[in-house]
Amino acid sequence: MVKEKNTAARVFVIGGANIDIQGQSSGEFRPADSNPGRIGSAFGGVGRNVAEACLRLGLDVSLITVFGGDSDGERMEADCRAKGMETDWSLRCQGPSARYLCALDSDGSLVAAVADMEAMEALSPAHLKTAATVLDKAACIVIDTNIPPESIAWLCRRYGRRSGIKKTAERPMLFLDTVSETKAVKALGLFGEFDYIKPNMAEARVMASIRPARVYAKEDSRIESESDPEALKRRIESLNQLPGELYISLGPAGMYYNAKGESGIVPLPPVELRPAVRNRSGAGDCALAGLVWASLQQGRPREKVYYALSASLLAAASPLPVPEDMDEKKLRDLAALIAARE
């Protein structure tokens, strides 16, 4: 396991911040029906969640996002600042704040969602250029695909591992959260520029230029790789789009990794040894924060997975997207448990 050391490194997160509106059914969710349950709201968004999780793990965080011109945007920015995030390079738009509406099953798993992220279109390359001098000095830059594709391309041209103009030893590490199958297409042709990418299997299929399973012909042999992360990795590699390190979330099966000549799958610990699940909506975001933290600690690839899974499990046990009590000690303790079970 990685040794303890100072983790106060500047992390810039560029991505979505929104109001999460969640409805969770009390029993098994019945589609096309009215489900008894609870409805709540919280501050969320992939970028904002990753930024808060990194902050709770002791990192120095700047969030570049778009806050709405309404009272929700004002409250959300104030909350980010109160938690300790720098938002100096974020924007305030004239329109409403971004919103994410989702329905969860009784076990906390996602049933359906609608994301109204139009506000993020304001994060243009022109705006990012104004922050270039501070971005140049970052330890790492985390991007999510809620931002415009041209902005993802600009960041890759400046900081990408292959074609970026910043090629010094001080170059920021570049992370990508693919967010969803629909939004991952914004980064097509750019995946190889990133040092780290954390997709789920559906998003990894986008990286491999494989169509969604619902449009496969029965005789299409590419469907064979649908549930095989190693096969997906090989296909991504054949397209010359393999990132420096690839971490694929496998849901209940754990996480696959390919990095530094190593690959494998780390399973989750048995159910009885995991924190009880309440809400999985922020689990993937916290997993990426765990990867960021472990990468700044210079851990080995398999160790990074321990921390990513630990952060994910801590998040799933919380009613909020990011647990208010998550910290470095809890992360280390759960990671040690996962490592010991192997």
Protein backbone atom coordinates (compact mmCIF):
# COMPACT_ATOMS: atom_id res chain seq x y z
CA MET A 1 0.00 0.00 0.00
CA VAL A 2 1.15 3.56 -0.65
CA LYS A 3 2.93 5.36 2.19
CA GLU A 4 1.45 8.41 3.83
CA LYS A 5 2.79 11.73 2.61
CA ASN A 6 1.66 15.26 1.95
CA THR A 7 -1.04 15.28 -0.72
CA ALA A 8 -1.48 19.07 -0.94
CA ALA A 9 -1.12 19.20 -4.74
CA ARG A 10 -3.27 21.49 -6.89
CA VAL A 11 -5.97 19.60 -8.74
CA PHE A 12 -8.06 21.38 -11.35
CA VAL A 13 -11.43 19.82 -12.12
CA ILE A 14 -13.19 21.05 -15.26
CA GLY A 15 -16.73 19.80 -15.59
CA GLY A 16 -20.34 19.76 -14.53
CA ALA A 17 -21.99 21.19 -11.44
CA ASN A 18 -25.73 20.81 -11.08
CA ILE A 19 -28.68 20.37 -8.80
CA ASP A 20 -29.34 16.65 -8.27
CA ILE A 21 -33.01 15.77 -7.91
CA GLN A 22 -33.34 12.13 -6.89
CA GLY A 23 -36.36 9.93 -6.42
CA GLN A 24 -35.76 6.53 -4.80
CA SER A 25 -38.48 3.89 -4.72
CA SER A 26 -39.31 2.19 -1.45
CA GLY A 27 -39.63 -1.21 -3.14
CA GLU A 28 -38.67 -2.75 -6.46
CA PHE A 29 -39.05 -0.08 -9.14
CA ARG A 30 -42.00 -0.59 -11.51
CA PRO A 31 -41.44 1.09 -14.91
CA ALA A 32 -44.30 3.17 -16.34
CA ASP A 33 -45.95 3.36 -12.94
CA SER A 34 -46.05 5.65 -9.90
CA ASN A 35 -43.58 4.29 -7.36
CA PRO A 36 -43.88 5.14 -3.65
CA GLY A 37 -40.60 6.44 -2.30
CA ARG A 38 -38.63 9.52 -1.31
CA ILE A 39 -37.56 12.56 -3.32
CA GLY A 40 -34.64 14.79 -2.33
CA SER A 41 -32.16 17.22 -3.81
CA ALA A 42 -28.48 17.92 -3.34
CA PHE A 43 -25.60 19.69 -5.02
CA GLY A 44 -24.07 17.36 -7.59
CA GLY A 45 -22.54 17.10 -11.04
CA VAL A 46 -19.64 14.86 -12.02
CA GLY A 47 -17.01 17.59 -11.90
CA ARG A 48 -18.33 19.08 -8.67
CA ASN A 49 -18.55 15.63 -7.04
CA VAL A 50 -15.01 14.70 -8.08
CA ALA A 51 -13.76 18.06 -6.78
CA GLU A 52 -15.46 17.62 -3.40
CA ALA A 53 -14.23 14.04 -3.03
CA CYS A 54 -10.64 15.10 -3.84
CA LEU A 55 -10.98 17.89 -1.30
CA ARG A 56 -12.16 15.48 1.41
CA LEU A 57 -9.10 13.33 0.66
CA GLY A 58 -6.81 16.24 1.49
CA LEU A 59 -6.09 17.62 -1.97
CA ASP A 60 -5.97 21.29 -2.95
CA VAL A 61 -8.80 21.72 -5.46
CA SER A 62 -9.92 24.30 -8.01
CA LEU A 63 -13.25 23.75 -9.78
CA ILE A 64 -13.88 25.26 -13.20
CA THR A 65 -17.58 24.97 -13.98
CA VAL A 66 -20.65 27.07 -14.77
CA PHE A 67 -23.02 28.21 -12.03
CA GLY A 68 -26.48 29.36 -13.04
CA GLY A 69 -27.65 32.93 -12.67
CA ASP A 70 -30.44 31.79 -10.34
CA SER A 71 -30.51 31.32 -6.58
CA ASP A 72 -29.53 27.65 -7.01
CA GLY A 73 -26.33 28.69 -8.76
CA GLU A 74 -25.55 31.22 -6.06
CA ARG A 75 -26.09 28.66 -3.31
CA MET A 76 -24.08 25.99 -5.15
CA GLU A 77 -21.06 28.25 -5.63
CA ALA A 78 -21.24 29.41 -2.01
CA ASP A 79 -21.34 25.76 -0.90
CA CYS A 80 -18.26 24.93 -3.01
CA ARG A 81 -16.35 27.83 -1.50
CA ALA A 82 -17.47 26.98 2.02
CA LYS A 83 -16.11 23.46 1.55
CA GLY A 84 -12.74 24.87 0.46
CA MET A 85 -12.85 24.68 -3.33
CA GLU A 86 -11.43 27.57 -5.33
CA THR A 87 -13.94 28.69 -7.97
CA ASP A 88 -12.14 31.81 -9.26
CA TRP A 89 -12.09 30.49 -12.84
CA SER A 90 -15.70 29.32 -12.88
CA LEU A 91 -18.43 31.21 -14.73
CA ARG A 92 -21.86 32.52 -13.80
CA CYS A 93 -24.33 32.26 -16.69
CA GLN A 94 -27.54 34.24 -17.18
CA GLY A 95 -29.69 31.12 -17.51
CA PRO A 96 -30.79 28.52 -14.97
CA SER A 97 -28.45 26.16 -13.17
CA ALA A 98 -27.81 22.75 -14.67
CA ARG A 99 -30.03 19.99 -13.27
CA TYR A 100 -29.90 16.21 -13.11
CA LEU A 101 -33.10 14.27 -12.50
CA CYS A 102 -32.82 10.58 -11.70
CA ALA A 103 -34.89 7.65 -10.48
CA LEU A 104 -33.23 5.07 -8.24
CA ASP A 105 -34.33 1.57 -7.36
CA SER A 106 -34.66 0.61 -3.71
CA ASP A 107 -31.08 -0.71 -3.72
CA GLY A 108 -29.73 2.65 -4.89
CA SER A 109 -29.09 1.59 -8.50
CA LEU A 110 -29.97 3.93 -11.35
CA VAL A 111 -33.21 3.25 -13.23
CA ALA A 112 -33.40 6.34 -15.45
CA ALA A 113 -32.06 9.88 -15.62
CA VAL A 114 -32.31 13.13 -17.56
CA ALA A 115 -29.42 15.61 -17.51
CA ASP A 116 -30.04 19.26 -18.39
CA MET A 117 -26.43 20.43 -18.72
CA GLU A 118 -26.83 23.16 -21.35
CA ALA A 119 -25.18 25.69 -19.03
CA MET A 120 -21.85 23.86 -19.48
CA GLU A 121 -21.65 25.02 -23.10
CA ALA A 122 -20.24 28.28 -21.75
CA LEU A 123 -16.99 26.46 -20.84
CA SER A 124 -15.50 27.25 -24.24
CA PRO A 125 -11.85 27.05 -25.29
CA ALA A 126 -11.79 30.86 -25.20
CA HIS A 127 -12.62 30.80 -21.50
CA LEU A 128 -10.17 28.00 -20.73
CA LYS A 129 -7.39 29.97 -22.43
CA THR A 130 -7.83 32.68 -19.80
CA ALA A 131 -6.93 30.07 -17.16
CA ALA A 132 -4.00 28.55 -19.10
CA THR A 133 -1.26 30.03 -16.93
CA VAL A 134 -2.69 28.45 -13.77
CA LEU A 135 -3.64 25.20 -15.50
CA ASP A 136 -0.05 24.88 -16.68
CA LYS A 137 1.08 24.62 -13.05
CA ALA A 138 -1.50 22.04 -11.95
CA ALA A 139 -0.46 18.64 -10.63
CA CYS A 140 -3.36 17.16 -12.55
CA ILE A 141 -6.36 18.24 -14.58
CA VAL A 142 -9.58 16.23 -14.40
CA ILE A 143 -12.07 16.65 -17.25
CA ASP A 144 -15.59 15.31 -17.58
CA THR A 145 -17.52 15.07 -20.83
CA ASN A 146 -20.19 17.53 -19.75
CA ILE A 147 -18.02 20.25 -21.29
CA PRO A 148 -18.09 21.01 -25.04
CA PRO A 149 -16.11 18.66 -27.33
CA GLU A 150 -14.04 21.56 -28.66
CA SER A 151 -12.94 22.33 -25.09
CA ILE A 152 -11.90 18.71 -24.54
CA ALA A 153 -9.91 18.94 -27.79
CA TRP A 154 -8.24 22.21 -26.71
CA LEU A 155 -7.17 20.70 -23.38
CA CYS A 156 -5.75 17.66 -25.20
CA ARG A 157 -3.82 19.86 -27.63
CA ARG A 158 -2.26 21.71 -24.72
CA TYR A 159 -1.80 18.94 -22.14
CA GLY A 160 -2.26 15.64 -24.00
CA ARG A 161 0.35 12.93 -23.47
CA ARG A 162 0.95 12.65 -27.24
CA SER A 163 0.31 15.97 -28.93
CA GLY A 164 0.16 18.43 -26.06
CA ILE A 165 2.42 21.45 -26.28
CA LYS A 166 3.30 21.12 -22.59
CA LYS A 167 5.84 18.31 -22.73
CA THR A 168 7.99 19.16 -19.72
CA ALA A 169 8.36 16.96 -16.66
CA GLU A 170 5.96 19.39 -15.00
CA ARG A 171 3.12 18.57 -17.41
CA PRO A 172 -0.15 18.06 -15.51
CA MET A 173 -1.52 14.53 -15.48
CA LEU A 174 -4.69 14.47 -17.58
CA PHE A 175 -7.72 12.50 -16.32
CA LEU A 176 -11.02 11.86 -18.11
CA ASP A 177 -14.36 10.81 -16.70
CA THR A 178 -16.46 9.67 -19.67
CA VAL A 179 -19.71 10.33 -17.68
CA SER A 180 -22.11 8.34 -19.88
CA GLU A 181 -22.35 6.30 -23.06
CA THR A 182 -23.99 9.27 -24.81
CA LYS A 183 -21.46 11.86 -23.67
CA ALA A 184 -18.34 9.72 -24.11
CA VAL A 185 -18.58 10.26 -27.87
CA LYS A 186 -17.43 13.86 -27.32
CA ALA A 187 -13.92 12.52 -26.78
CA LEU A 188 -13.76 10.17 -29.79
CA GLY A 189 -10.30 10.28 -31.34
CA LEU A 190 -8.81 11.84 -28.20
CA PHE A 191 -8.77 8.96 -25.70
CA GLY A 192 -5.09 8.24 -26.34
CA GLU A 193 -4.18 11.75 -25.18
CA PHE A 194 -5.18 11.06 -21.58
CA ASP A 195 -2.98 9.70 -18.83
CA TYR A 196 -5.95 8.15 -17.03
CA ILE A 197 -9.50 7.28 -18.10
CA LYS A 198 -12.17 5.65 -15.92
CA PRO A 199 -15.17 4.43 -17.97
CA ASN A 200 -17.76 1.81 -17.18
CA MET A 201 -18.26 -1.02 -19.67
CA ALA A 202 -20.79 0.86 -21.80
CA GLU A 203 -18.46 3.86 -22.04
CA ALA A 204 -15.49 1.57 -22.76
CA ARG A 205 -17.43 0.20 -25.74
CA VAL A 206 -17.69 3.77 -27.02
CA MET A 207 -13.91 4.08 -26.62
CA ALA A 208 -13.59 0.88 -28.67
CA SER A 209 -15.94 2.31 -31.35
CA ILE A 210 -18.41 -0.50 -30.74
CA ARG A 211 -22.06 0.34 -31.18
CA PRO A 212 -24.49 -0.14 -28.27
CA ALA A 213 -25.61 -3.75 -27.88
CA ARG A 214 -29.20 -2.88 -28.84
CA VAL A 215 -28.15 -2.12 -32.43
CA TYR A 216 -25.99 -5.22 -32.98
CA ALA A 217 -26.96 -7.70 -35.63
CA LYS A 218 -27.03 -11.20 -34.14
CA GLU A 219 -24.16 -12.29 -36.34
CA ASP A 220 -21.98 -9.30 -35.37
CA SER A 221 -18.86 -10.84 -33.80
CA ARG A 222 -18.04 -7.63 -31.96
CA ILE A 223 -20.69 -8.45 -29.40
CA GLU A 224 -18.33 -11.13 -28.07
CA SER A 225 -16.21 -8.42 -26.46
CA GLU A 226 -19.18 -6.71 -24.82
CA SER A 227 -18.58 -8.25 -21.41
CA ASP A 228 -14.81 -8.78 -21.71
CA PRO A 229 -12.78 -5.76 -20.56
CA GLU A 230 -9.51 -7.26 -21.79
CA ALA A 231 -10.97 -7.65 -25.29
CA LEU A 232 -12.20 -4.07 -25.16
CA LYS A 233 -8.71 -2.93 -24.13
CA ARG A 234 -7.18 -4.75 -27.11
CA ARG A 235 -9.66 -3.15 -29.49
CA ILE A 236 -9.03 0.33 -28.05
CA GLU A 237 -5.31 -0.33 -28.44
CA SER A 238 -5.78 -1.45 -32.06
CA LEU A 239 -7.41 1.92 -32.74
CA ASN A 240 -4.36 3.67 -31.24
CA GLN A 241 -6.65 5.16 -28.59
CA LEU A 242 -5.36 3.46 -25.43
CA PRO A 243 -4.75 5.98 -22.62
CA GLY A 244 -1.69 5.79 -20.39
CA GLU A 245 -3.73 3.97 -17.74
CA LEU A 246 -7.21 2.50 -18.22
CA TYR A 247 -9.54 1.65 -15.33
CA ILE A 248 -12.91 0.11 -16.27
CA SER A 249 -15.63 -0.08 -13.65
CA LEU A 250 -17.32 -3.49 -13.71
CA GLY A 251 -20.05 -2.68 -11.20
CA PRO A 252 -20.56 -5.58 -8.77
CA ALA A 253 -17.62 -7.43 -10.35
CA GLY A 254 -15.09 -4.79 -9.25
CA MET A 255 -12.67 -2.92 -11.53
CA TYR A 256 -10.41 -3.86 -14.46
CA TYR A 257 -7.10 -2.07 -14.95
CA ASN A 258 -4.41 -1.84 -17.63
CA ALA A 259 -1.39 0.27 -16.73
CA LYS A 260 2.39 0.14 -16.81
CA GLY A 261 2.42 -3.31 -18.41
CA GLU A 262 0.05 -4.73 -15.80
CA SER A 263 -3.58 -5.73 -16.18
CA GLY A 264 -6.17 -7.57 -14.16
CA ILE A 265 -9.40 -7.36 -12.22
CA VAL A 266 -9.77 -6.45 -8.55
CA PRO A 267 -13.04 -7.86 -7.14
CA LEU A 268 -15.13 -6.18 -4.49
CA PRO A 269 -14.98 -7.64 -1.00
CA PRO A 270 -17.88 -9.91 0.05
CA VAL A 271 -21.17 -8.11 0.65
CA GLU A 272 -21.00 -8.71 4.39
CA LEU A 273 -17.70 -6.78 4.56
CA ARG A 274 -18.89 -3.77 2.56
CA PRO A 275 -20.66 -0.69 3.91
CA ALA A 276 -24.42 -0.98 3.38
CA VAL A 277 -25.53 0.54 0.07
CA ARG A 278 -27.82 3.58 0.19
CA ASN A 279 -27.22 5.52 -3.02
CA ARG A 280 -24.87 4.68 -5.89
CA SER A 281 -25.29 7.98 -7.77
CA GLY A 282 -21.91 9.43 -6.75
CA ALA A 283 -19.95 6.18 -6.57
CA GLY A 284 -18.25 6.51 -9.96
CA ASP A 285 -17.28 10.13 -9.30
CA CYS A 286 -15.70 9.22 -5.98
CA ALA A 287 -13.91 6.28 -7.62
CA LEU A 288 -12.21 8.73 -9.98
CA ALA A 289 -11.24 10.92 -7.01
CA GLY A 290 -9.70 7.85 -5.40
CA LEU A 291 -7.66 7.28 -8.56
CA VAL A 292 -6.52 10.91 -8.58
CA TRP A 293 -5.47 10.69 -4.94
CA ALA A 294 -3.63 7.37 -5.39
CA SER A 295 -1.90 8.60 -8.56
CA LEU A 296 -0.57 11.65 -6.74
CA GLN A 297 0.70 9.21 -4.09
CA GLN A 298 2.50 7.34 -6.91
CA GLY A 299 0.89 4.01 -6.04
CA ARG A 300 1.12 0.88 -8.18
CA PRO A 301 -1.77 0.31 -10.62
CA ARG A 302 -3.41 -2.46 -8.58
CA GLU A 303 -3.10 -0.35 -5.42
CA LYS A 304 -4.83 2.51 -7.21
CA VAL A 305 -7.78 0.21 -7.85
CA TYR A 306 -8.00 -0.56 -4.11
CA TYR A 307 -8.42 3.15 -3.41
CA ALA A 308 -10.81 3.73 -6.31
CA LEU A 309 -13.06 0.89 -5.15
CA SER A 310 -12.84 2.06 -1.55
CA ALA A 311 -13.95 5.58 -2.46
CA SER A 312 -16.78 4.11 -4.53
CA LEU A 313 -18.00 1.92 -1.65
CA LEU A 314 -17.85 4.82 0.80
CA ALA A 315 -19.92 6.93 -1.58
CA ALA A 316 -22.51 4.20 -2.15
CA ALA A 317 -23.04 3.98 1.61
CA SER A 318 -23.95 7.67 1.83
CA PRO A 319 -27.27 9.37 1.03
CA LEU A 320 -25.26 12.20 -0.57
CA PRO A 321 -23.21 11.91 -3.80
CA VAL A 322 -20.04 12.54 -1.75
CA PRO A 323 -19.95 11.36 1.89
CA GLU A 324 -19.44 14.21 4.33
CA ASP A 325 -17.31 11.97 6.55
CA MET A 326 -15.07 10.52 3.82
CA ASP A 327 -11.41 11.12 4.58
CA GLU A 328 -7.98 9.69 3.91
CA LYS A 329 -8.08 7.37 6.95
CA LYS A 330 -11.38 5.76 5.94
CA LEU A 331 -10.05 5.36 2.40
CA ARG A 332 -6.86 3.68 3.59
CA ASP A 333 -8.66 1.40 6.03
CA LEU A 334 -11.12 0.10 3.43
CA ALA A 335 -8.37 -0.24 0.80
CA ALA A 336 -6.37 -2.37 3.24
CA LEU A 337 -9.42 -4.59 3.70
CA ILE A 338 -9.81 -5.04 -0.07
CA ALA A 339 -6.09 -5.82 -0.43
CA ALA A 340 -6.20 -8.34 2.41
CA ARG A 341 -9.11 -10.24 0.82
CA GLU A 342 -7.21 -10.96 -2.39
